[in-house]
Amino acid sequence: MLRRYRNCIGPRVRELRMKKGLTQEQLAARLQLSGLHSLDRVAVAKIESQLRSVFDYELAMIARELGADPEKFIPTPRALKLDLDNLISGKRDVSES
């Protein structure tokens, strides 16, 4: 079974959010207060599940709210090597997740 693979930062967003002790709802509230009104809890969940694309300005605000450099969200080329074809095609096998 294939599903859309729309970002490579989702796992890192989840990791840093949990490390800060924030719920998805709390992160969404902070992002909305920062001006990203379209990022509700569902949008945060979709980002973390890699089901929603992320604009560059959204990444910058997410990074700021999680206290991290935006570069820290992008996996290294080595880490992406196995998933690169799937990332480019926008698909991946759920069993590989």
N, C-alpha and C. Protein backbone atom coordinates (compact mmCIF):
# COMPACT_ATOMS: atom_id res chain seq x y z
N MET A 1 0.85 -1.19 0.00
CA MET A 1 0.00 0.00 0.00
C MET A 1 0.88 1.24 0.00
N LEU A 2 0.61 2.15 -0.90
CA LEU A 2 1.38 3.38 -1.00
C LEU A 2 0.61 4.54 -0.42
N ARG A 3 1.35 5.49 0.12
CA ARG A 3 0.74 6.74 0.58
C ARG A 3 1.67 7.87 0.22
N ARG A 4 1.13 9.06 0.17
CA ARG A 4 1.93 10.23 -0.17
C ARG A 4 2.97 10.51 0.90
N TYR A 5 4.14 10.87 0.45
CA TYR A 5 5.25 11.22 1.32
C TYR A 5 5.60 12.65 0.99
N ARG A 6 5.20 13.59 1.85
CA ARG A 6 5.26 15.00 1.45
C ARG A 6 6.29 15.85 2.18
N ASN A 7 6.96 15.31 3.15
CA ASN A 7 8.04 16.07 3.79
C ASN A 7 9.01 15.10 4.44
N CYS A 8 10.19 15.58 4.74
CA CYS A 8 11.19 14.76 5.41
C CYS A 8 11.45 15.26 6.84
N ILE A 9 10.73 16.29 7.26
CA ILE A 9 11.00 16.88 8.58
C ILE A 9 10.06 16.40 9.68
N GLY A 10 8.98 15.72 9.31
CA GLY A 10 7.96 15.33 10.28
C GLY A 10 8.47 14.62 11.52
N PRO A 11 9.31 13.58 11.36
CA PRO A 11 9.80 12.89 12.55
C PRO A 11 10.58 13.79 13.50
N ARG A 12 11.34 14.72 12.94
CA ARG A 12 12.13 15.64 13.77
C ARG A 12 11.21 16.63 14.49
N VAL A 13 10.16 17.09 13.83
CA VAL A 13 9.19 17.98 14.47
C VAL A 13 8.60 17.26 15.69
N ARG A 14 8.15 16.02 15.49
CA ARG A 14 7.57 15.24 16.59
C ARG A 14 8.57 15.07 17.73
N GLU A 15 9.80 14.71 17.37
CA GLU A 15 10.84 14.49 18.39
C GLU A 15 11.08 15.73 19.23
N LEU A 16 11.26 16.87 18.58
CA LEU A 16 11.54 18.10 19.32
C LEU A 16 10.32 18.60 20.09
N ARG A 17 9.14 18.43 19.53
CA ARG A 17 7.92 18.83 20.24
C ARG A 17 7.78 18.03 21.53
N MET A 18 7.99 16.73 21.43
CA MET A 18 7.86 15.88 22.62
C MET A 18 8.96 16.17 23.63
N LYS A 19 10.16 16.46 23.14
CA LYS A 19 11.27 16.80 24.03
C LYS A 19 10.98 18.06 24.84
N LYS A 20 10.25 19.00 24.21
CA LYS A 20 9.86 20.23 24.91
C LYS A 20 8.62 20.03 25.78
N GLY A 21 8.02 18.83 25.72
CA GLY A 21 6.84 18.54 26.54
C GLY A 21 5.57 19.21 26.04
N LEU A 22 5.50 19.46 24.74
CA LEU A 22 4.33 20.11 24.16
C LEU A 22 3.42 19.08 23.50
N THR A 23 2.12 19.31 23.58
CA THR A 23 1.18 18.51 22.81
C THR A 23 1.09 19.11 21.42
N GLN A 24 0.49 18.39 20.50
CA GLN A 24 0.28 18.94 19.16
C GLN A 24 -0.60 20.19 19.26
N GLU A 25 -1.58 20.16 20.12
CA GLU A 25 -2.48 21.31 20.31
C GLU A 25 -1.70 22.53 20.81
N GLN A 26 -0.79 22.33 21.74
CA GLN A 26 -0.01 23.45 22.28
C GLN A 26 0.92 24.03 21.23
N LEU A 27 1.57 23.15 20.44
CA LEU A 27 2.44 23.65 19.37
C LEU A 27 1.61 24.42 18.35
N ALA A 28 0.46 23.88 17.99
CA ALA A 28 -0.41 24.56 17.03
C ALA A 28 -0.81 25.94 17.55
N ALA A 29 -1.16 26.03 18.82
CA ALA A 29 -1.55 27.31 19.41
C ALA A 29 -0.40 28.32 19.33
N ARG A 30 0.82 27.87 19.62
CA ARG A 30 1.98 28.76 19.55
C ARG A 30 2.21 29.23 18.11
N LEU A 31 2.05 28.32 17.17
CA LEU A 31 2.23 28.68 15.76
C LEU A 31 1.16 29.65 15.29
N GLN A 32 -0.06 29.45 15.74
CA GLN A 32 -1.14 30.37 15.38
C GLN A 32 -0.89 31.75 15.96
N LEU A 33 -0.40 31.82 17.20
CA LEU A 33 -0.08 33.11 17.81
C LEU A 33 1.07 33.80 17.09
N SER A 34 1.92 33.01 16.43
CA SER A 34 3.04 33.56 15.67
C SER A 34 2.64 34.01 14.28
N GLY A 35 1.37 33.76 13.91
CA GLY A 35 0.88 34.22 12.62
C GLY A 35 0.54 33.12 11.63
N LEU A 36 0.81 31.87 11.97
CA LEU A 36 0.47 30.77 11.07
C LEU A 36 -0.92 30.25 11.42
N HIS A 37 -1.93 31.00 11.05
CA HIS A 37 -3.30 30.72 11.45
C HIS A 37 -3.85 29.42 10.88
N SER A 38 -3.30 28.92 9.79
CA SER A 38 -3.81 27.69 9.19
C SER A 38 -3.24 26.43 9.83
N LEU A 39 -2.28 26.58 10.73
CA LEU A 39 -1.68 25.40 11.35
C LEU A 39 -2.39 25.06 12.66
N ASP A 40 -3.42 24.24 12.54
CA ASP A 40 -4.12 23.75 13.73
C ASP A 40 -3.52 22.40 14.14
N ARG A 41 -4.11 21.75 15.13
CA ARG A 41 -3.59 20.48 15.62
C ARG A 41 -3.56 19.43 14.52
N VAL A 42 -4.57 19.40 13.67
CA VAL A 42 -4.62 18.43 12.58
C VAL A 42 -3.47 18.66 11.61
N ALA A 43 -3.18 19.91 11.30
CA ALA A 43 -2.07 20.23 10.40
C ALA A 43 -0.74 19.79 11.01
N VAL A 44 -0.56 20.03 12.31
CA VAL A 44 0.67 19.60 12.98
C VAL A 44 0.78 18.08 12.92
N ALA A 45 -0.32 17.38 13.17
CA ALA A 45 -0.32 15.92 13.11
C ALA A 45 0.05 15.43 11.71
N LYS A 46 -0.48 16.08 10.68
CA LYS A 46 -0.18 15.70 9.30
C LYS A 46 1.28 15.97 8.95
N ILE A 47 1.82 17.06 9.46
CA ILE A 47 3.25 17.35 9.24
C ILE A 47 4.08 16.27 9.89
N GLU A 48 3.78 15.95 11.14
CA GLU A 48 4.55 14.94 11.86
C GLU A 48 4.43 13.56 11.21
N SER A 49 3.30 13.27 10.58
CA SER A 49 3.08 11.99 9.91
C SER A 49 3.57 12.02 8.47
N GLN A 50 4.15 13.13 8.06
CA GLN A 50 4.70 13.33 6.72
C GLN A 50 3.62 13.30 5.63
N LEU A 51 2.41 13.66 6.00
CA LEU A 51 1.29 13.67 5.06
C LEU A 51 0.98 15.06 4.52
N ARG A 52 1.66 16.07 5.04
CA ARG A 52 1.43 17.45 4.61
C ARG A 52 2.76 18.09 4.27
N SER A 53 2.79 18.81 3.17
CA SER A 53 3.98 19.57 2.79
C SER A 53 4.17 20.73 3.77
N VAL A 54 5.39 21.23 3.82
CA VAL A 54 5.72 22.33 4.71
C VAL A 54 6.41 23.42 3.90
N PHE A 55 5.85 24.62 3.96
CA PHE A 55 6.47 25.76 3.30
C PHE A 55 7.70 26.20 4.08
N ASP A 56 8.62 26.87 3.41
CA ASP A 56 9.85 27.31 4.06
C ASP A 56 9.56 28.25 5.24
N TYR A 57 8.60 29.15 5.08
CA TYR A 57 8.29 30.07 6.18
C TYR A 57 7.64 29.32 7.35
N GLU A 58 6.92 28.24 7.07
CA GLU A 58 6.35 27.43 8.15
C GLU A 58 7.46 26.72 8.90
N LEU A 59 8.44 26.18 8.17
CA LEU A 59 9.58 25.53 8.81
C LEU A 59 10.31 26.51 9.72
N ALA A 60 10.50 27.72 9.24
CA ALA A 60 11.19 28.72 10.06
C ALA A 60 10.44 28.99 11.35
N MET A 61 9.13 29.09 11.29
CA MET A 61 8.33 29.36 12.50
C MET A 61 8.27 28.14 13.41
N ILE A 62 8.15 26.95 12.83
CA ILE A 62 8.15 25.73 13.64
C ILE A 62 9.47 25.62 14.38
N ALA A 63 10.57 25.85 13.67
CA ALA A 63 11.89 25.79 14.29
C ALA A 63 12.01 26.79 15.43
N ARG A 64 11.53 28.01 15.19
CA ARG A 64 11.61 29.03 16.24
C ARG A 64 10.82 28.61 17.48
N GLU A 65 9.60 28.11 17.27
CA GLU A 65 8.77 27.72 18.41
C GLU A 65 9.32 26.51 19.14
N LEU A 66 10.10 25.68 18.46
CA LEU A 66 10.70 24.51 19.11
C LEU A 66 12.13 24.79 19.57
N GLY A 67 12.60 26.02 19.35
CA GLY A 67 13.93 26.42 19.83
C GLY A 67 15.06 25.71 19.11
N ALA A 68 14.90 25.51 17.81
CA ALA A 68 15.94 24.81 17.04
C ALA A 68 16.24 25.57 15.76
N ASP A 69 17.42 25.31 15.23
CA ASP A 69 17.81 25.85 13.93
C ASP A 69 17.06 25.10 12.85
N PRO A 70 16.51 25.79 11.86
CA PRO A 70 15.78 25.09 10.79
C PRO A 70 16.61 23.99 10.12
N GLU A 71 17.92 24.16 10.06
CA GLU A 71 18.78 23.14 9.45
C GLU A 71 18.71 21.81 10.19
N LYS A 72 18.39 21.85 11.47
CA LYS A 72 18.33 20.63 12.28
C LYS A 72 17.16 19.73 11.90
N PHE A 73 16.21 20.25 11.13
CA PHE A 73 15.04 19.47 10.75
C PHE A 73 15.28 18.65 9.49
N ILE A 74 16.27 19.04 8.70
CA ILE A 74 16.55 18.36 7.45
C ILE A 74 17.50 17.19 7.72
N PRO A 75 17.07 15.97 7.38
CA PRO A 75 17.96 14.82 7.59
C PRO A 75 19.23 14.96 6.74
N THR A 76 20.28 14.33 7.18
CA THR A 76 21.53 14.36 6.44
C THR A 76 21.35 13.60 5.12
N PRO A 77 22.16 13.93 4.13
CA PRO A 77 22.07 13.18 2.86
C PRO A 77 22.22 11.67 3.08
N ARG A 78 23.07 11.31 4.00
CA ARG A 78 23.26 9.88 4.29
C ARG A 78 21.96 9.25 4.82
N ALA A 79 21.28 9.97 5.70
CA ALA A 79 20.03 9.46 6.26
C ALA A 79 18.93 9.39 5.20
N LEU A 80 18.98 10.30 4.24
CA LEU A 80 17.96 10.34 3.19
C LEU A 80 18.23 9.37 2.04
N LYS A 81 19.45 8.87 1.96
CA LYS A 81 19.83 8.07 0.80
C LYS A 81 18.85 6.93 0.50
N LEU A 82 18.44 6.19 1.50
CA LEU A 82 17.53 5.06 1.28
C LEU A 82 16.14 5.52 0.86
N ASP A 83 15.71 6.67 1.34
CA ASP A 83 14.37 7.16 1.05
C ASP A 83 14.31 8.15 -0.12
N LEU A 84 15.44 8.46 -0.72
CA LEU A 84 15.48 9.52 -1.71
C LEU A 84 14.55 9.28 -2.90
N ASP A 85 14.56 8.08 -3.46
CA ASP A 85 13.68 7.81 -4.60
C ASP A 85 12.22 7.99 -4.21
N ASN A 86 11.83 7.52 -3.05
CA ASN A 86 10.46 7.67 -2.59
C ASN A 86 10.12 9.13 -2.32
N LEU A 87 11.07 9.87 -1.76
CA LEU A 87 10.85 11.28 -1.49
C LEU A 87 10.63 12.04 -2.80
N ILE A 88 11.46 11.75 -3.79
CA ILE A 88 11.34 12.43 -5.08
C ILE A 88 10.01 12.09 -5.76
N SER A 89 9.61 10.83 -5.71
CA SER A 89 8.38 10.40 -6.36
C SER A 89 7.14 10.78 -5.55
N GLY A 90 7.34 11.10 -4.29
CA GLY A 90 6.20 11.47 -3.45
C GLY A 90 5.47 10.29 -2.89
N LYS A 91 6.05 9.10 -3.00
CA LYS A 91 5.38 7.90 -2.51
C LYS A 91 6.34 7.08 -1.64
N ARG A 92 5.76 6.29 -0.79
CA ARG A 92 6.53 5.32 -0.04
C ARG A 92 5.61 4.21 0.42
N ASP A 93 6.18 3.09 0.69
CA ASP A 93 5.42 1.93 1.14
C ASP A 93 5.20 2.07 2.64
N VAL A 94 3.96 1.96 3.09
CA VAL A 94 3.64 2.10 4.51
C VAL A 94 4.42 1.09 5.33
N SER A 95 4.68 -0.09 4.79
CA SER A 95 5.42 -1.11 5.55
C SER A 95 6.84 -0.69 5.83
N GLU A 96 7.37 0.29 5.07
CA GLU A 96 8.73 0.77 5.28
C GLU A 96 8.79 1.83 6.38
N SER A 97 7.65 2.34 6.81
CA SER A 97 7.60 3.43 7.79
C SER A 97 8.07 2.97 9.14
